[in-house]
């Protein structure tokens, strides 16, 4: 069996360390796995907690370069196959037998794992599923970029081959207070701006700046950066471009810039293979009062097998269709659609009001979405 080194960088992560490491030990018990921790200057109990587990701990002075820290941790590994995790990513699934199959069948590929990011939005929790390249053979790949680091081939080629592997982790790194989010942005933005100064024509950097603004609820700034990124000749098939377009649409809706959001009709054919984009178009039509078009888009969204945002292809789409029917006075249809939402709390609230009393009055519903 091919051994794997799990490589981690950390600084002041004591609140995550016990759960993070215990999950790794639990899911990899009996398999040839080692854990490498590169500490970049912790002043709390991070290293003390880590020392209670089978972890090899190394110190790496922080030099404002995430790739440098990542590559250092990789260099300390005993094995060539590397799995990279962050301390706020708790393993939920690790199918070692399937992973071994992929490693043997595709030795020069990268493995994308599912990072499930949890956000609290109002009265309910939302989940975003991102597939990120984290498993690789260090003889073929290394990390680049001082922030929002990513894997690139060591031979300088532009060809990136990947497979999706059955490893998933729960990510809590964005479910933070406003103050914590601002602190995170304050750390990353200067590094992004430094990179932008060196590469002013890189749309990916504008995308990341937009994402940073989004995380601190600055939709105006986010839109500015997204718009700038889209001035370049971007590939609509690129994952970050697809994510950016959806995030841009939500930011426009938040700012009530509906006329601009409706212009997304012009790029519909480039992005309608995504449940998240189709769901977004449903929201745009809903906000602009075109209920028939909104219904069509929400219904189309339910035909997709997967979505980045949990529910965009299922309960969130059914909820909004139910809300439209309720507004139009079609209470029976609204109830049937709310019942398709499972245990989604907002749908359950509507059912509690509608089913016992048989109330057919119309109540305007707030559409539900994720950015």
Protein backbone atom coordinates (compact mmCIF):
# COMPACT_ATOMS: atom_id res chain seq x y z
CA UNK A 1 0.00 0.00 0.00
CA UNK A 2 1.33 3.43 -0.97
CA UNK A 3 2.07 5.51 2.18
CA UNK A 4 0.76 9.07 2.47
CA UNK A 5 2.08 12.09 4.36
CA UNK A 6 -0.56 14.53 5.60
CA UNK A 7 1.09 17.96 5.58
CA UNK A 8 -0.26 20.87 7.59
CA UNK A 9 0.83 24.44 8.31
CA UNK A 10 -0.43 26.10 11.48
CA UNK A 11 -0.22 29.21 13.60
CA UNK A 12 -2.24 29.66 16.80
CA UNK A 13 -4.74 26.92 15.97
CA UNK A 14 -5.28 25.55 19.48
CA UNK A 15 -9.08 25.78 19.21
CA UNK A 16 -9.04 23.40 16.22
CA UNK A 17 -6.10 21.14 16.96
CA UNK A 18 -7.69 18.41 19.09
CA UNK A 19 -10.67 17.84 16.80
CA UNK A 20 -8.55 18.17 13.66
CA UNK A 21 -5.93 15.62 14.71
CA UNK A 22 -8.33 13.20 16.36
CA UNK A 23 -10.36 13.03 13.13
CA UNK A 24 -7.22 12.24 11.14
CA UNK A 25 -6.22 9.49 13.56
CA UNK A 26 -9.76 8.08 13.52
CA UNK A 27 -10.06 7.96 9.73
CA UNK A 28 -6.54 6.70 8.95
CA UNK A 29 -6.13 4.11 11.71
CA UNK A 30 -4.31 1.03 10.42
CA UNK A 31 -3.04 2.74 7.25
CA UNK A 32 0.50 3.91 6.40
CA UNK A 33 -0.05 7.62 7.12
CA UNK A 34 2.20 10.16 8.82
CA UNK A 35 1.31 13.71 9.92
CA UNK A 36 3.70 16.60 9.30
CA UNK A 37 3.03 19.92 11.05
CA UNK A 38 4.95 23.06 10.09
CA UNK A 39 4.33 25.69 12.77
CA UNK A 40 4.82 29.25 11.54
CA UNK A 41 5.09 30.97 14.91
CA UNK A 42 2.36 29.87 17.31
CA UNK A 43 2.21 31.61 20.68
CA UNK A 44 -0.63 29.50 22.04
CA UNK A 45 -0.88 25.76 22.82
CA UNK A 46 -0.91 24.60 19.18
CA UNK A 47 2.36 22.66 19.36
CA UNK A 48 1.67 21.36 22.86
CA UNK A 49 -1.65 19.84 21.75
CA UNK A 50 -0.12 18.46 18.55
CA UNK A 51 2.62 16.75 20.56
CA UNK A 52 -0.03 14.54 22.17
CA UNK A 53 -0.65 12.92 18.78
CA UNK A 54 1.63 11.01 16.36
CA UNK A 55 2.74 14.23 14.67
CA UNK A 56 6.18 15.31 13.44
CA UNK A 57 6.48 19.00 14.34
CA UNK A 58 8.78 21.46 12.57
CA UNK A 59 9.24 25.20 12.91
CA UNK A 60 9.13 27.49 9.89
CA UNK A 61 9.53 31.26 10.43
CA UNK A 62 6.67 33.10 8.73
CA UNK A 63 7.82 35.10 5.67
CA UNK A 64 4.41 36.24 4.32
CA UNK A 65 4.36 33.42 1.80
CA UNK A 66 1.87 30.56 2.13
CA UNK A 67 3.45 28.54 -0.68
CA UNK A 68 6.85 28.70 0.99
CA UNK A 69 5.33 27.30 4.18
CA UNK A 70 3.41 24.61 2.27
CA UNK A 71 6.47 23.54 0.29
CA UNK A 72 8.56 23.41 3.46
CA UNK A 73 6.04 21.10 5.14
CA UNK A 74 6.05 18.88 2.04
CA UNK A 75 9.87 18.77 2.06
CA UNK A 76 9.82 17.32 5.59
CA UNK A 77 7.61 14.37 4.61
CA UNK A 78 8.94 10.82 4.44
CA UNK A 79 6.63 9.92 1.54
CA UNK A 80 6.16 11.25 -1.98
CA UNK A 81 2.37 11.16 -1.92
CA UNK A 82 1.11 14.20 -0.02
CA UNK A 83 -2.31 15.13 1.31
CA UNK A 84 -2.64 18.76 2.40
CA UNK A 85 -5.17 19.79 5.03
CA UNK A 86 -5.77 22.91 7.14
CA UNK A 87 -6.45 22.82 10.86
CA UNK A 88 -10.03 24.08 10.44
CA UNK A 89 -10.82 21.21 8.05
CA UNK A 90 -12.14 18.19 9.96
CA UNK A 91 -12.12 14.90 8.06
CA UNK A 92 -15.59 13.44 7.48
CA UNK A 93 -14.76 10.78 4.87
CA UNK A 94 -11.52 9.04 3.97
CA UNK A 95 -11.92 5.97 1.76
CA UNK A 96 -8.32 4.75 1.74
CA UNK A 97 -8.97 1.78 -0.55
CA UNK A 98 -10.46 3.98 -3.26
CA UNK A 99 -7.73 6.57 -2.79
CA UNK A 100 -5.10 3.87 -3.25
CA UNK A 101 -6.79 2.79 -6.46
CA UNK A 102 -6.62 6.30 -7.89
CA UNK A 103 -2.99 6.75 -6.81
CA UNK A 104 -1.98 3.57 -8.63
CA UNK A 105 -4.10 4.23 -11.72
CA UNK A 106 -3.19 7.93 -12.11
CA UNK A 107 0.27 8.43 -10.59
CA UNK A 108 0.81 11.86 -12.18
CA UNK A 109 -2.65 13.26 -11.43
CA UNK A 110 -3.77 15.51 -8.60
CA UNK A 111 -6.60 14.38 -6.35
CA UNK A 112 -9.39 16.86 -5.63
CA UNK A 113 -11.09 16.45 -2.25
CA UNK A 114 -14.43 17.90 -1.16
CA UNK A 115 -14.15 20.79 1.28
CA UNK A 116 -17.57 21.43 2.79
CA UNK A 117 -17.64 25.01 4.06
CA UNK A 118 -20.35 25.84 6.58
CA UNK A 119 -21.92 29.30 6.83
CA UNK A 120 -24.60 30.57 9.14
CA UNK A 121 -27.06 32.70 7.17
CA UNK A 122 -29.79 34.19 9.29
CA UNK A 123 -31.78 31.33 10.77
CA UNK A 124 -30.26 28.43 8.92
CA UNK A 125 -26.90 26.88 8.10
CA UNK A 126 -25.75 26.65 4.51
CA UNK A 127 -23.05 24.45 3.01
CA UNK A 128 -20.81 25.13 0.02
CA UNK A 129 -19.03 22.17 -1.59
CA UNK A 130 -15.68 22.97 -3.19
CA UNK A 131 -13.45 20.41 -4.87
CA UNK A 132 -9.85 21.45 -4.28
CA UNK A 133 -6.61 19.80 -5.41
CA UNK A 134 -5.00 18.46 -2.24
CA UNK A 135 -3.53 15.00 -2.97
CA UNK A 136 -0.44 14.83 -5.18
CA UNK A 137 2.96 13.29 -5.74
CA UNK A 138 5.60 15.85 -4.77
CA UNK A 139 7.87 14.63 -7.57
CA UNK A 140 5.47 16.26 -10.04
CA UNK A 141 3.81 19.22 -8.27
CA UNK A 142 4.55 22.07 -5.89
CA UNK A 143 2.74 25.10 -4.47
CA UNK A 144 2.91 28.56 -6.02
CA UNK A 145 1.55 32.04 -5.07
CA UNK A 146 2.19 33.77 -1.76
CA UNK A 147 -1.53 33.68 -0.87
CA UNK A 148 -4.41 31.52 -2.14
CA UNK A 149 -1.65 29.10 -3.03
CA UNK A 150 -2.30 26.35 -5.55
CA UNK A 151 -0.53 23.40 -7.12
CA UNK A 152 1.42 23.70 -10.36
CA UNK A 153 3.46 21.10 -12.28
CA UNK A 154 7.17 21.17 -11.46
CA UNK A 155 8.04 20.86 -15.15
CA UNK A 156 6.30 24.16 -15.92
CA UNK A 157 3.65 22.62 -18.17
CA UNK A 158 0.16 24.10 -18.23
CA UNK A 159 -1.60 20.74 -18.31
CA UNK A 160 -3.38 19.97 -15.04
CA UNK A 161 -4.79 16.48 -14.67
CA UNK A 162 -7.00 15.69 -11.70
CA UNK A 163 -9.42 13.14 -10.34
CA UNK A 164 -12.03 13.51 -7.60
CA UNK A 165 -11.28 11.25 -4.66
CA UNK A 166 -13.53 10.09 -1.78
CA UNK A 167 -12.05 12.36 0.87
CA UNK A 168 -14.17 15.11 2.41
CA UNK A 169 -13.67 17.56 5.25
CA UNK A 170 -15.89 19.96 7.13
CA UNK A 171 -14.47 23.47 6.87
CA UNK A 172 -15.39 26.05 9.50
CA UNK A 173 -12.89 28.70 8.44
CA UNK A 174 -15.48 31.09 7.00
CA UNK A 175 -18.15 30.70 9.67
CA UNK A 176 -16.59 33.53 11.67
CA UNK A 177 -17.59 36.74 13.38
CA UNK A 178 -17.41 39.95 11.37
CA UNK A 179 -14.30 40.94 13.33
CA UNK A 180 -12.60 37.61 12.57
CA UNK A 181 -13.46 37.91 8.87
CA UNK A 182 -12.00 41.41 8.73
CA UNK A 183 -8.84 40.18 10.42
CA UNK A 184 -8.52 37.41 7.83
CA UNK A 185 -9.00 39.90 4.98
CA UNK A 186 -6.46 42.25 6.54
CA UNK A 187 -3.94 39.40 6.45
CA UNK A 188 -4.64 38.32 2.86
CA UNK A 189 -5.37 41.56 1.02
CA UNK A 190 -1.88 43.10 1.26
CA UNK A 191 -0.42 39.87 -0.15
CA UNK A 192 -2.96 39.83 -2.98
CA UNK A 193 -2.28 43.48 -3.79
CA UNK A 194 1.45 42.74 -3.83
CA UNK A 195 0.85 39.95 -6.34
CA UNK A 196 -1.46 42.20 -8.36
CA UNK A 197 1.24 44.85 -8.60
CA UNK A 198 3.53 42.23 -10.14
CA UNK A 199 0.79 40.70 -12.32
CA UNK A 200 -1.77 43.44 -13.11
CA UNK A 201 -3.41 41.43 -15.88
CA UNK A 202 -4.24 38.34 -13.84
CA UNK A 203 -8.04 38.04 -13.53
CA UNK A 204 -7.70 35.38 -10.81
CA UNK A 205 -6.21 37.95 -8.44
CA UNK A 206 -9.16 40.31 -9.00
CA UNK A 207 -11.46 37.36 -8.32
CA UNK A 208 -9.76 36.64 -5.00
CA UNK A 209 -9.90 40.31 -4.00
CA UNK A 210 -13.61 40.22 -4.81
CA UNK A 211 -14.06 37.12 -2.69
CA UNK A 212 -12.26 38.80 0.18
CA UNK A 213 -14.59 41.79 -0.04
CA UNK A 214 -17.58 39.47 -0.16
CA UNK A 215 -16.53 37.70 3.04
CA UNK A 216 -16.59 41.01 4.94
CA UNK A 217 -19.99 41.91 3.41
CA UNK A 218 -18.60 44.65 1.17
CA UNK A 219 -20.67 43.90 -1.92
CA UNK A 220 -19.81 47.19 -3.61
CA UNK A 221 -16.07 46.49 -3.57
CA UNK A 222 -16.65 42.86 -4.52
CA UNK A 223 -18.58 43.91 -7.62
CA UNK A 224 -15.80 46.28 -8.61
CA UNK A 225 -13.21 43.51 -8.53
CA UNK A 226 -15.45 40.93 -10.22
CA UNK A 227 -16.24 43.37 -13.03
CA UNK A 228 -12.54 44.07 -13.51
CA UNK A 229 -11.73 40.37 -13.71
CA UNK A 230 -14.40 39.85 -16.37
CA UNK A 231 -12.82 42.53 -18.56
CA UNK A 232 -10.17 39.95 -19.40
CA UNK A 233 -10.59 37.04 -21.79
CA UNK A 234 -11.46 34.49 -19.12
CA UNK A 235 -12.35 30.87 -19.79
CA UNK A 236 -15.98 30.21 -18.74
CA UNK A 237 -15.04 26.58 -18.11
CA UNK A 238 -12.56 27.52 -15.38
CA UNK A 239 -13.86 26.69 -11.92
CA UNK A 240 -12.95 30.06 -10.45
CA UNK A 241 -14.70 31.89 -13.30
CA UNK A 242 -17.90 29.95 -12.72
CA UNK A 243 -17.71 30.66 -9.00
CA UNK A 244 -16.98 34.32 -9.66
CA UNK A 245 -19.96 34.83 -11.95
CA UNK A 246 -22.32 33.37 -9.35
CA UNK A 247 -20.79 35.42 -6.54
CA UNK A 248 -21.00 38.54 -8.71
CA UNK A 249 -24.69 37.90 -9.34
CA UNK A 250 -25.46 37.58 -5.64
CA UNK A 251 -23.52 40.75 -4.87
CA UNK A 252 -25.54 42.65 -7.48
CA UNK A 253 -28.78 41.34 -5.97
CA UNK A 254 -27.65 42.42 -2.51
CA UNK A 255 -27.05 45.93 -3.87
CA UNK A 256 -30.42 45.85 -5.67
CA UNK A 257 -28.69 46.48 -8.98
CA UNK A 258 -31.25 44.37 -10.77
CA UNK A 259 -30.77 45.81 -14.26
CA UNK A 260 -27.12 44.79 -14.16
CA UNK A 261 -28.00 41.35 -12.84
CA UNK A 262 -30.44 40.85 -15.74
CA UNK A 263 -27.51 41.30 -18.14
CA UNK A 264 -26.45 37.81 -17.05
CA UNK A 265 -28.97 36.63 -19.65
CA UNK A 266 -26.24 37.49 -22.18
CA UNK A 267 -23.88 34.87 -20.74
CA UNK A 268 -26.53 32.27 -19.96
CA UNK A 269 -25.35 29.78 -22.59
CA UNK A 270 -21.81 29.82 -21.17
CA UNK A 271 -22.86 28.94 -17.64
CA UNK A 272 -26.20 27.12 -17.72
CA UNK A 273 -24.52 23.76 -17.15
CA UNK A 274 -24.21 24.78 -13.49
CA UNK A 275 -27.08 24.32 -11.04
CA UNK A 276 -25.76 27.26 -9.04
CA UNK A 277 -25.91 29.64 -12.02
CA UNK A 278 -29.37 28.44 -13.04
CA UNK A 279 -30.57 28.89 -9.45
CA UNK A 280 -29.07 32.40 -9.45
CA UNK A 281 -31.00 33.24 -12.62
CA UNK A 282 -34.15 32.10 -10.85
CA UNK A 283 -33.42 34.57 -8.05
CA UNK A 284 -32.73 37.36 -10.53
CA UNK A 285 -36.08 36.78 -12.24
CA UNK A 286 -37.80 36.50 -8.87
CA UNK A 287 -36.39 39.82 -7.68
CA UNK A 288 -37.46 41.50 -10.91
CA UNK A 289 -41.01 40.16 -10.72
CA UNK A 290 -40.84 37.67 -13.58
CA UNK A 291 -42.36 34.75 -11.71
CA UNK A 292 -42.82 32.46 -14.71
CA UNK A 293 -39.17 32.70 -15.72
CA UNK A 294 -38.11 32.30 -12.10
CA UNK A 295 -40.18 29.12 -11.78
CA UNK A 296 -38.65 27.72 -14.96
CA UNK A 297 -35.11 28.33 -13.70
CA UNK A 298 -35.75 26.89 -10.24
CA UNK A 299 -37.35 23.83 -11.82
CA UNK A 300 -34.37 23.44 -14.16
CA UNK A 301 -32.01 23.67 -11.19
CA UNK A 302 -33.64 20.58 -9.66
CA UNK A 303 -32.62 18.51 -12.69
CA UNK A 304 -28.93 18.71 -11.79
CA UNK A 305 -27.36 15.92 -9.76
CA UNK A 306 -24.95 18.20 -7.89
CA UNK A 307 -24.59 21.82 -6.83
CA UNK A 308 -21.83 23.72 -5.12
CA UNK A 309 -24.27 25.21 -2.63
CA UNK A 310 -26.26 22.55 -0.83
CA UNK A 311 -29.91 22.83 -1.83
CA UNK A 312 -29.50 24.95 -4.97
CA UNK A 313 -30.57 21.86 -6.94
CA UNK A 314 -33.14 20.69 -4.40
CA UNK A 315 -34.72 22.19 -1.27
CA UNK A 316 -33.75 25.84 -1.89
CA UNK A 317 -35.18 25.67 -5.41
CA UNK A 318 -38.37 23.97 -4.17
CA UNK A 319 -38.70 26.51 -1.37
CA UNK A 320 -38.59 29.43 -3.77
CA UNK A 321 -41.07 27.75 -6.11
CA UNK A 322 -43.32 27.21 -3.11
CA UNK A 323 -42.97 30.87 -2.14
CA UNK A 324 -43.94 32.00 -5.64
CA UNK A 325 -47.02 29.78 -5.63
CA UNK A 326 -47.99 31.04 -2.20
CA UNK A 327 -47.70 34.66 -3.33
CA UNK A 328 -49.86 33.83 -6.36
CA UNK A 329 -52.50 32.23 -4.14
CA UNK A 330 -51.79 28.65 -5.24
CA UNK A 331 -51.68 27.34 -1.69
CA UNK A 332 -52.11 23.66 -2.57
CA UNK A 333 -49.15 23.75 -4.95
CA UNK A 334 -47.14 25.79 -2.45
CA UNK A 335 -47.69 23.16 0.24
CA UNK A 336 -46.64 20.35 -2.13
CA UNK A 337 -43.43 22.21 -2.98
CA UNK A 338 -42.62 23.04 0.64
CA UNK A 339 -43.06 19.35 1.46
CA UNK A 340 -40.30 18.57 -1.06
CA UNK A 341 -37.88 20.64 1.06
CA UNK A 342 -37.39 17.96 3.69
CA UNK A 343 -36.52 19.40 7.07
CA UNK A 344 -35.46 22.82 5.74
CA UNK A 345 -36.54 25.12 8.55
CA UNK A 346 -38.05 27.95 6.49
CA UNK A 347 -40.23 25.51 4.54
CA UNK A 348 -41.32 23.84 7.77
CA UNK A 349 -42.39 27.24 9.11
CA UNK A 350 -44.56 27.85 6.06
CA UNK A 351 -46.11 24.39 6.34
CA UNK A 352 -46.90 24.98 10.00
CA UNK A 353 -48.82 28.10 9.00
CA UNK A 354 -50.49 26.72 5.90
CA UNK A 355 -51.41 23.11 6.58
CA UNK A 356 -53.25 23.16 9.94
CA UNK A 357 -55.32 26.26 9.19
CA UNK A 358 -55.74 25.65 5.46
CA UNK A 359 -54.97 29.36 5.18
CA UNK A 360 -55.07 30.41 1.54
CA UNK A 361 -54.03 34.00 2.15
CA UNK A 362 -51.03 35.24 0.24
CA UNK A 363 -47.87 36.07 2.08
CA UNK A 364 -44.90 37.58 0.35
CA UNK A 365 -41.85 35.35 0.89
CA UNK A 366 -38.24 36.32 1.08
CA UNK A 367 -36.18 34.33 -1.41
CA UNK A 368 -33.37 32.30 0.07
CA UNK A 369 -29.89 32.12 -1.44
CA UNK A 370 -26.20 31.75 -0.83
CA UNK A 371 -23.26 33.74 -2.12
